[in-house]
Amino acid sequence: MIVRTMPPGSLEQVVFRMDLLHRLHDRGAAVLNPPRALEICIDKFLATHRLEDAGLLVPRRSCARPPTMR
């Protein structure tokens, strides 16, 4: 099984798909991109920090949000 990305959907749909992929992987299904790798790649913040922790240079970054968001 080759999983390249997670299709759009509600949070519940995405969580279900990831849970299913974890279940298949844990039961020995051949998954080219394991669920944890997919989770890391989807999460840009986590992926950037993993690259940085591995000693790779990453661009400077900052986090911005609208003033009404708390």
PDB file of N, CA and C in Angstrom:
ATOM      1  N   MET A   1       0.849  -1.159   0.000  1.00  0.00           N
ATOM      2  CA  MET A   1       0.000   0.000   0.000  1.00  0.00           C
ATOM      3  C   MET A   1       0.905   1.235   0.000  1.00  0.00           C
ATOM      4  N   ILE A   2       0.600   2.155  -0.886  1.00  0.00           N
ATOM      5  CA  ILE A   2       1.348   3.407  -0.960  1.00  0.00           C
ATOM      6  C   ILE A   2       0.401   4.537  -0.573  1.00  0.00           C
ATOM      7  N   VAL A   3       0.772   5.281   0.456  1.00  0.00           N
ATOM      8  CA  VAL A   3      -0.009   6.423   0.901  1.00  0.00           C
ATOM      9  C   VAL A   3       0.863   7.650   0.706  1.00  0.00           C
ATOM     10  N   ARG A   4       0.400   8.588  -0.117  1.00  0.00           N
ATOM     11  CA  ARG A   4       1.213   9.763  -0.406  1.00  0.00           C
ATOM     12  C   ARG A   4       0.791  10.980   0.381  1.00  0.00           C
ATOM     13  N   THR A   5      -0.487  11.084   0.684  1.00  0.00           N
ATOM     14  CA  THR A   5      -0.978  12.238   1.428  1.00  0.00           C
ATOM     15  C   THR A   5      -2.316  11.873   2.064  1.00  0.00           C
ATOM     16  N   MET A   6      -2.845  12.788   2.825  1.00  0.00           N
ATOM     17  CA  MET A   6      -4.141  12.571   3.455  1.00  0.00           C
ATOM     18  C   MET A   6      -5.140  13.471   2.742  1.00  0.00           C
ATOM     19  N   PRO A   7      -6.208  12.887   2.145  1.00  0.00           N
ATOM     20  CA  PRO A   7      -7.179  13.735   1.457  1.00  0.00           C
ATOM     21  C   PRO A   7      -7.909  14.648   2.432  1.00  0.00           C
ATOM     22  N   PRO A   8      -8.418  15.765   1.933  1.00  0.00           N
ATOM     23  CA  PRO A   8      -9.131  16.687   2.818  1.00  0.00           C
ATOM     24  C   PRO A   8     -10.381  16.033   3.403  1.00  0.00           C
ATOM     25  N   GLY A   9     -10.772  16.527   4.543  1.00  0.00           N
ATOM     26  CA  GLY A   9     -11.975  16.034   5.196  1.00  0.00           C
ATOM     27  C   GLY A   9     -12.114  16.670   6.558  1.00  0.00           C
ATOM     28  N   SER A  10     -13.166  16.287   7.249  1.00  0.00           N
ATOM     29  CA  SER A  10     -13.365  16.790   8.604  1.00  0.00           C
ATOM     30  C   SER A  10     -12.297  16.185   9.513  1.00  0.00           C
ATOM     31  N   LEU A  11     -12.133  16.757  10.678  1.00  0.00           N
ATOM     32  CA  LEU A  11     -11.174  16.217  11.641  1.00  0.00           C
ATOM     33  C   LEU A  11     -11.492  14.753  11.931  1.00  0.00           C
ATOM     34  N   GLU A  12     -12.769  14.451  12.087  1.00  0.00           N
ATOM     35  CA  GLU A  12     -13.173  13.071  12.372  1.00  0.00           C
ATOM     36  C   GLU A  12     -12.778  12.128  11.230  1.00  0.00           C
ATOM     37  N   GLN A  13     -12.941  12.559   9.992  1.00  0.00           N
ATOM     38  CA  GLN A  13     -12.567  11.729   8.848  1.00  0.00           C
ATOM     39  C   GLN A  13     -11.065  11.499   8.790  1.00  0.00           C
ATOM     40  N   VAL A  14     -10.299  12.555   9.012  1.00  0.00           N
ATOM     41  CA  VAL A  14      -8.842  12.430   8.966  1.00  0.00           C
ATOM     42  C   VAL A  14      -8.351  11.525  10.084  1.00  0.00           C
ATOM     43  N   VAL A  15      -8.878  11.698  11.284  1.00  0.00           N
ATOM     44  CA  VAL A  15      -8.477  10.855  12.413  1.00  0.00           C
ATOM     45  C   VAL A  15      -8.825   9.397  12.126  1.00  0.00           C
ATOM     46  N   PHE A  16     -10.013   9.145  11.577  1.00  0.00           N
ATOM     47  CA  PHE A  16     -10.403   7.778  11.245  1.00  0.00           C
ATOM     48  C   PHE A  16      -9.438   7.165  10.235  1.00  0.00           C
ATOM     49  N   ARG A  17      -9.109   7.924   9.187  1.00  0.00           N
ATOM     50  CA  ARG A  17      -8.189   7.409   8.160  1.00  0.00           C
ATOM     51  C   ARG A  17      -6.823   7.091   8.753  1.00  0.00           C
ATOM     52  N   MET A  18      -6.320   7.994   9.604  1.00  0.00           N
ATOM     53  CA  MET A  18      -5.010   7.740  10.220  1.00  0.00           C
ATOM     54  C   MET A  18      -5.075   6.538  11.161  1.00  0.00           C
ATOM     55  N   ASP A  19      -6.151   6.418  11.931  1.00  0.00           N
ATOM     56  CA  ASP A  19      -6.309   5.255  12.812  1.00  0.00           C
ATOM     57  C   ASP A  19      -6.338   3.963  12.006  1.00  0.00           C
ATOM     58  N   LEU A  20      -7.060   3.979  10.888  1.00  0.00           N
ATOM     59  CA  LEU A  20      -7.132   2.803  10.032  1.00  0.00           C
ATOM     60  C   LEU A  20      -5.758   2.463   9.464  1.00  0.00           C
ATOM     61  N   LEU A  21      -5.029   3.475   9.025  1.00  0.00           N
ATOM     62  CA  LEU A  21      -3.690   3.241   8.488  1.00  0.00           C
ATOM     63  C   LEU A  21      -2.761   2.676   9.567  1.00  0.00           C
ATOM     64  N   HIS A  22      -2.839   3.207  10.787  1.00  0.00           N
ATOM     65  CA  HIS A  22      -2.045   2.653  11.901  1.00  0.00           C
ATOM     66  C   HIS A  22      -2.410   1.189  12.127  1.00  0.00           C
ATOM     67  N   ARG A  23      -3.695   0.884  12.103  1.00  0.00           N
ATOM     68  CA  ARG A  23      -4.164  -0.491  12.341  1.00  0.00           C
ATOM     69  C   ARG A  23      -3.621  -1.441  11.274  1.00  0.00           C
ATOM     70  N   LEU A  24      -3.723  -1.041  10.012  1.00  0.00           N
ATOM     71  CA  LEU A  24      -3.194  -1.876   8.932  1.00  0.00           C
ATOM     72  C   LEU A  24      -1.692  -2.088   9.085  1.00  0.00           C
ATOM     73  N   HIS A  25      -0.977  -1.009   9.377  1.00  0.00           N
ATOM     74  CA  HIS A  25       0.482  -1.083   9.554  1.00  0.00           C
ATOM     75  C   HIS A  25       0.838  -2.006  10.719  1.00  0.00           C
ATOM     76  N   ASP A  26       0.124  -1.855  11.836  1.00  0.00           N
ATOM     77  CA  ASP A  26       0.393  -2.678  13.024  1.00  0.00           C
ATOM     78  C   ASP A  26       0.094  -4.151  12.779  1.00  0.00           C
ATOM     79  N   ARG A  27      -0.820  -4.444  11.863  1.00  0.00           N
ATOM     80  CA  ARG A  27      -1.176  -5.834  11.551  1.00  0.00           C
ATOM     81  C   ARG A  27      -0.288  -6.428  10.464  1.00  0.00           C
ATOM     82  N   GLY A  28       0.727  -5.684  10.038  1.00  0.00           N
ATOM     83  CA  GLY A  28       1.698  -6.229   9.100  1.00  0.00           C
ATOM     84  C   GLY A  28       1.460  -5.920   7.637  1.00  0.00           C
ATOM     85  N   ALA A  29       0.493  -5.075   7.328  1.00  0.00           N
ATOM     86  CA  ALA A  29       0.278  -4.701   5.925  1.00  0.00           C
ATOM     87  C   ALA A  29       1.504  -3.939   5.424  1.00  0.00           C
ATOM     88  N   ALA A  30       1.860  -4.176   4.194  1.00  0.00           N
ATOM     89  CA  ALA A  30       3.000  -3.477   3.598  1.00  0.00           C
ATOM     90  C   ALA A  30       2.574  -2.042   3.289  1.00  0.00           C
ATOM     91  N   VAL A  31       3.094  -1.105   4.054  1.00  0.00           N
ATOM     92  CA  VAL A  31       2.772   0.315   3.873  1.00  0.00           C
ATOM     93  C   VAL A  31       4.075   1.028   3.558  1.00  0.00           C
ATOM     94  N   LEU A  32       4.176   1.574   2.340  1.00  0.00           N
ATOM     95  CA  LEU A  32       5.422   2.216   1.920  1.00  0.00           C
ATOM     96  C   LEU A  32       5.737   3.448   2.762  1.00  0.00           C
ATOM     97  N   ASN A  33       4.733   4.268   3.027  1.00  0.00           N
ATOM     98  CA  ASN A  33       4.911   5.430   3.897  1.00  0.00           C
ATOM     99  C   ASN A  33       4.177   5.139   5.198  1.00  0.00           C
ATOM    100  N   PRO A  34       4.893   4.766   6.261  1.00  0.00           N
ATOM    101  CA  PRO A  34       4.230   4.432   7.521  1.00  0.00           C
ATOM    102  C   PRO A  34       3.409   5.606   8.059  1.00  0.00           C
ATOM    103  N   PRO A  35       2.395   5.319   8.858  1.00  0.00           N
ATOM    104  CA  PRO A  35       1.513   6.365   9.366  1.00  0.00           C
ATOM    105  C   PRO A  35       2.256   7.496  10.072  1.00  0.00           C
ATOM    106  N   ARG A  36       3.249   7.188  10.877  1.00  0.00           N
ATOM    107  CA  ARG A  36       3.958   8.263  11.607  1.00  0.00           C
ATOM    108  C   ARG A  36       4.683   9.184  10.641  1.00  0.00           C
ATOM    109  N   ALA A  37       5.265   8.632   9.584  1.00  0.00           N
ATOM    110  CA  ALA A  37       5.943   9.470   8.594  1.00  0.00           C
ATOM    111  C   ALA A  37       4.952  10.402   7.912  1.00  0.00           C
ATOM    112  N   LEU A  38       3.771   9.901   7.617  1.00  0.00           N
ATOM    113  CA  LEU A  38       2.731  10.718   7.005  1.00  0.00           C
ATOM    114  C   LEU A  38       2.300  11.843   7.942  1.00  0.00           C
ATOM    115  N   GLU A  39       2.124  11.529   9.221  1.00  0.00           N
ATOM    116  CA  GLU A  39       1.742  12.552  10.206  1.00  0.00           C
ATOM    117  C   GLU A  39       2.790  13.659  10.279  1.00  0.00           C
ATOM    118  N   ILE A  40       4.055  13.280  10.261  1.00  0.00           N
ATOM    119  CA  ILE A  40       5.134  14.267  10.339  1.00  0.00           C
ATOM    120  C   ILE A  40       5.146  15.147   9.087  1.00  0.00           C
ATOM    121  N   CYS A  41       4.977  14.537   7.919  1.00  0.00           N
ATOM    122  CA  CYS A  41       5.014  15.306   6.669  1.00  0.00           C
ATOM    123  C   CYS A  41       3.835  16.253   6.538  1.00  0.00           C
ATOM    124  N   ILE A  42       2.683  15.857   7.044  1.00  0.00           N
ATOM    125  CA  ILE A  42       1.493  16.710   6.972  1.00  0.00           C
ATOM    126  C   ILE A  42       1.643  17.917   7.893  1.00  0.00           C
ATOM    127  N   ASP A  43       2.325  17.737   9.016  1.00  0.00           N
ATOM    128  CA  ASP A  43       2.485  18.786  10.027  1.00  0.00           C
ATOM    129  C   ASP A  43       3.761  19.573   9.731  1.00  0.00           C
ATOM    130  N   LYS A  44       3.617  20.716   9.080  1.00  0.00           N
ATOM    131  CA  LYS A  44       4.793  21.496   8.664  1.00  0.00           C
ATOM    132  C   LYS A  44       5.654  21.931   9.855  1.00  0.00           C
ATOM    133  N   PHE A  45       5.033  22.285  10.957  1.00  0.00           N
ATOM    134  CA  PHE A  45       5.777  22.704  12.139  1.00  0.00           C
ATOM    135  C   PHE A  45       6.643  21.556  12.656  1.00  0.00           C
ATOM    136  N   LEU A  46       6.050  20.385  12.799  1.00  0.00           N
ATOM    137  CA  LEU A  46       6.790  19.218  13.278  1.00  0.00           C
ATOM    138  C   LEU A  46       7.874  18.801  12.298  1.00  0.00           C
ATOM    139  N   ALA A  47       7.546  18.806  10.999  1.00  0.00           N
ATOM    140  CA  ALA A  47       8.527  18.419   9.988  1.00  0.00           C
ATOM    141  C   ALA A  47       9.740  19.347  10.015  1.00  0.00           C
ATOM    142  N   THR A  48       9.488  20.652  10.126  1.00  0.00           N
ATOM    143  CA  THR A  48      10.588  21.616  10.173  1.00  0.00           C
ATOM    144  C   THR A  48      11.492  21.365  11.372  1.00  0.00           C
ATOM    145  N   HIS A  49      10.900  21.118  12.522  1.00  0.00           N
ATOM    146  CA  HIS A  49      11.714  20.875  13.710  1.00  0.00           C
ATOM    147  C   HIS A  49      12.456  19.548  13.638  1.00  0.00           C
ATOM    148  N   ARG A  50      11.869  18.540  13.017  1.00  0.00           N
ATOM    149  CA  ARG A  50      12.568  17.266  12.849  1.00  0.00           C
ATOM    150  C   ARG A  50      13.778  17.439  11.928  1.00  0.00           C
ATOM    151  N   LEU A  51      13.614  18.228  10.858  1.00  0.00           N
ATOM    152  CA  LEU A  51      14.731  18.502   9.960  1.00  0.00           C
ATOM    153  C   LEU A  51      15.833  19.268  10.690  1.00  0.00           C
ATOM    154  N   GLU A  52      15.438  20.262  11.460  1.00  0.00           N
ATOM    155  CA  GLU A  52      16.395  21.059  12.233  1.00  0.00           C
ATOM    156  C   GLU A  52      17.121  20.188  13.250  1.00  0.00           C
ATOM    157  N   ASP A  53      16.385  19.315  13.944  1.00  0.00           N
ATOM    158  CA  ASP A  53      16.996  18.423  14.934  1.00  0.00           C
ATOM    159  C   ASP A  53      17.981  17.447  14.300  1.00  0.00           C
ATOM    160  N   ALA A  54      17.768  17.154  13.004  1.00  0.00           N
ATOM    161  CA  ALA A  54      18.674  16.250  12.289  1.00  0.00           C
ATOM    162  C   ALA A  54      19.916  16.982  11.779  1.00  0.00           C
ATOM    163  N   GLY A  55      20.007  18.297  12.065  1.00  0.00           N
ATOM    164  CA  GLY A  55      21.187  19.053  11.676  1.00  0.00           C
ATOM    165  C   GLY A  55      21.081  19.721  10.317  1.00  0.00           C
ATOM    166  N   LEU A  56      19.912  19.689   9.702  1.00  0.00           N
ATOM    167  CA  LEU A  56      19.750  20.340   8.406  1.00  0.00           C
ATOM    168  C   LEU A  56      19.387  21.804   8.608  1.00  0.00           C
ATOM    169  N   LEU A  57      19.829  22.626   7.685  1.00  0.00           N
ATOM    170  CA  LEU A  57      19.498  24.040   7.750  1.00  0.00           C
ATOM    171  C   LEU A  57      18.057  24.237   7.308  1.00  0.00           C
ATOM    172  N   VAL A  58      17.321  25.001   8.052  1.00  0.00           N
ATOM    173  CA  VAL A  58      15.935  25.318   7.695  1.00  0.00           C
ATOM    174  C   VAL A  58      15.781  26.832   7.715  1.00  0.00           C
ATOM    175  N   PRO A  59      14.855  27.371   6.920  1.00  0.00           N
ATOM    176  CA  PRO A  59      14.672  28.814   6.895  1.00  0.00           C
ATOM    177  C   PRO A  59      14.203  29.338   8.248  1.00  0.00           C
ATOM    178  N   ARG A  60      14.552  30.592   8.535  1.00  0.00           N
ATOM    179  CA  ARG A  60      14.024  31.238   9.740  1.00  0.00           C
ATOM    180  C   ARG A  60      12.516  31.302   9.599  1.00  0.00           C
ATOM    181  N   ARG A  61      11.830  31.240  10.712  1.00  0.00           N
ATOM    182  CA  ARG A  61      10.378  31.225  10.668  1.00  0.00           C
ATOM    183  C   ARG A  61       9.818  31.976  11.855  1.00  0.00           C
ATOM    184  N   SER A  62       8.571  32.334  11.731  1.00  0.00           N
ATOM    185  CA  SER A  62       7.866  32.953  12.837  1.00  0.00           C
ATOM    186  C   SER A  62       6.399  32.540  12.717  1.00  0.00           C
ATOM    187  N   CYS A  63       5.690  32.774  13.793  1.00  0.00           N
ATOM    188  CA  CYS A  63       4.278  32.419  13.815  1.00  0.00           C
ATOM    189  C   CYS A  63       3.468  33.701  13.955  1.00  0.00           C
ATOM    190  N   ALA A  64       2.524  33.861  13.092  1.00  0.00           N
ATOM    191  CA  ALA A  64       1.665  35.048  13.145  1.00  0.00           C
ATOM    192  C   ALA A  64       0.216  34.594  13.218  1.00  0.00           C
ATOM    193  N   ARG A  65      -0.574  35.385  13.892  1.00  0.00           N
ATOM    194  CA  ARG A  65      -2.007  35.072  13.979  1.00  0.00           C
ATOM    195  C   ARG A  65      -2.790  36.366  14.052  1.00  0.00           C
ATOM    196  N   PRO A  66      -4.044  36.320  13.670  1.00  0.00           N
ATOM    197  CA  PRO A  66      -4.867  37.537  13.742  1.00  0.00           C
ATOM    198  C   PRO A  66      -4.970  38.013  15.191  1.00  0.00           C
ATOM    199  N   PRO A  67      -5.071  39.311  15.419  1.00  0.00           N
ATOM    200  CA  PRO A  67      -5.141  39.833  16.789  1.00  0.00           C
ATOM    201  C   PRO A  67      -6.355  39.340  17.565  1.00  0.00           C
ATOM    202  N   THR A  68      -7.410  38.913  16.878  1.00  0.00           N
ATOM    203  CA  THR A  68      -8.617  38.452  17.585  1.00  0.00           C
ATOM    204  C   THR A  68      -8.468  37.018  18.069  1.00  0.00           C
ATOM    205  N   MET A  69      -7.480  36.286  17.571  1.00  0.00           N
ATOM    206  CA  MET A  69      -7.293  34.891  17.957  1.00  0.00           C
ATOM    207  C   MET A  69      -6.537  34.808  19.274  1.00  0.00           C
ATOM    208  N   ARG A  70      -7.027  34.052  20.223  1.00  0.00           N
ATOM    209  CA  ARG A  70      -6.343  33.914  21.516  1.00  0.00           C
ATOM    210  C   ARG A  70      -6.091  32.496  21.847  1.00  0.00           C
TER     211      ARG A  70
END
